[in-house]
């Protein structure tokens, strides 16, 4: 496994999806949905890695 973009993309997409789809989980000291923002950015990064892995092959 010399190309790490595929497993990195899968990992970040799964973790981002979990964080983004749990609206009840919030950071304890703020009212801002930090988990949703972090999940969206992880989902975007995971999607970019999957796209780059698919583009190479």
C-alpha atoms as a PDB file:
ATOM      1  CA  UNK A   1       0.000   0.000   0.000  1.00  0.00           C
ATOM      2  CA  UNK A   2       2.146   2.823  -1.252  1.00  0.00           C
ATOM      3  CA  UNK A   3      -0.675   5.308  -1.822  1.00  0.00           C
ATOM      4  CA  UNK A   4      -2.060   6.525   1.498  1.00  0.00           C
ATOM      5  CA  UNK A   5      -4.668   8.865   0.040  1.00  0.00           C
ATOM      6  CA  UNK A   6      -7.374   6.192  -0.050  1.00  0.00           C
ATOM      7  CA  UNK A   7      -7.237   5.084   3.625  1.00  0.00           C
ATOM      8  CA  UNK A   8      -6.757   8.692   4.786  1.00  0.00           C
ATOM      9  CA  UNK A   9      -9.758   9.762   2.735  1.00  0.00           C
ATOM     10  CA  UNK A  10     -11.933   6.952   4.068  1.00  0.00           C
ATOM     11  CA  UNK A  11     -10.926   7.680   7.678  1.00  0.00           C
ATOM     12  CA  UNK A  12     -11.553  11.423   7.482  1.00  0.00           C
ATOM     13  CA  UNK A  13     -14.821  10.938   5.597  1.00  0.00           C
ATOM     14  CA  UNK A  14     -16.151   8.543   8.246  1.00  0.00           C
ATOM     15  CA  UNK A  15     -15.069  10.682  11.214  1.00  0.00           C
ATOM     16  CA  UNK A  16     -16.325  13.856   9.530  1.00  0.00           C
ATOM     17  CA  UNK A  17     -19.670  12.248   8.770  1.00  0.00           C
ATOM     18  CA  UNK A  18     -20.030  11.106  12.376  1.00  0.00           C
ATOM     19  CA  UNK A  19     -19.224  14.562  13.750  1.00  0.00           C
ATOM     20  CA  UNK A  20     -21.364  16.408  11.228  1.00  0.00           C
ATOM     21  CA  UNK A  21     -24.479  14.269  11.665  1.00  0.00           C
ATOM     22  CA  UNK A  22     -24.627  14.444  15.468  1.00  0.00           C
ATOM     23  CA  UNK A  23     -26.193  17.862  16.148  1.00  0.00           C
ATOM     24  CA  UNK A  24     -26.804  17.088  19.815  1.00  0.00           C
ATOM     25  CA  UNK A  25     -23.081  16.687  20.518  1.00  0.00           C
ATOM     26  CA  UNK A  26     -21.706  20.123  21.353  1.00  0.00           C
ATOM     27  CA  UNK A  27     -18.519  21.419  22.894  1.00  0.00           C
ATOM     28  CA  UNK A  28     -19.167  21.867  26.626  1.00  0.00           C
ATOM     29  CA  UNK A  29     -18.019  25.495  27.008  1.00  0.00           C
ATOM     30  CA  UNK A  30     -19.590  27.117  23.956  1.00  0.00           C
ATOM     31  CA  UNK A  31     -22.898  27.378  22.131  1.00  0.00           C
ATOM     32  CA  UNK A  32     -21.197  27.325  18.717  1.00  0.00           C
ATOM     33  CA  UNK A  33     -21.571  23.954  16.935  1.00  0.00           C
ATOM     34  CA  UNK A  34     -17.825  23.282  16.840  1.00  0.00           C
ATOM     35  CA  UNK A  35     -18.346  19.589  16.095  1.00  0.00           C
ATOM     36  CA  UNK A  36     -20.416  20.423  13.010  1.00  0.00           C
ATOM     37  CA  UNK A  37     -17.733  22.791  11.708  1.00  0.00           C
ATOM     38  CA  UNK A  38     -14.937  20.304  12.394  1.00  0.00           C
ATOM     39  CA  UNK A  39     -16.997  17.493  10.873  1.00  0.00           C
ATOM     40  CA  UNK A  40     -17.688  19.508   7.731  1.00  0.00           C
ATOM     41  CA  UNK A  41     -14.013  20.341   7.281  1.00  0.00           C
ATOM     42  CA  UNK A  42     -12.991  16.714   7.876  1.00  0.00           C
ATOM     43  CA  UNK A  43     -15.636  15.544   5.422  1.00  0.00           C
ATOM     44  CA  UNK A  44     -14.350  18.016   2.837  1.00  0.00           C
ATOM     45  CA  UNK A  45     -10.740  16.931   3.391  1.00  0.00           C
ATOM     46  CA  UNK A  46     -11.696  13.253   3.197  1.00  0.00           C
ATOM     47  CA  UNK A  47     -13.603  13.871  -0.012  1.00  0.00           C
ATOM     48  CA  UNK A  48     -10.602  15.658  -1.500  1.00  0.00           C
ATOM     49  CA  UNK A  49      -8.311  12.770  -0.585  1.00  0.00           C
ATOM     50  CA  UNK A  50     -10.719  10.245  -2.098  1.00  0.00           C
ATOM     51  CA  UNK A  51     -10.987  12.347  -5.246  1.00  0.00           C
ATOM     52  CA  UNK A  52      -7.192  12.559  -5.534  1.00  0.00           C
ATOM     53  CA  UNK A  53      -6.838   8.809  -4.970  1.00  0.00           C
ATOM     54  CA  UNK A  54      -9.430   8.090  -7.643  1.00  0.00           C
ATOM     55  CA  UNK A  55      -7.879  10.578 -10.067  1.00  0.00           C
ATOM     56  CA  UNK A  56      -4.462   8.899  -9.838  1.00  0.00           C
ATOM     57  CA  UNK A  57      -5.746   5.419 -10.669  1.00  0.00           C
END
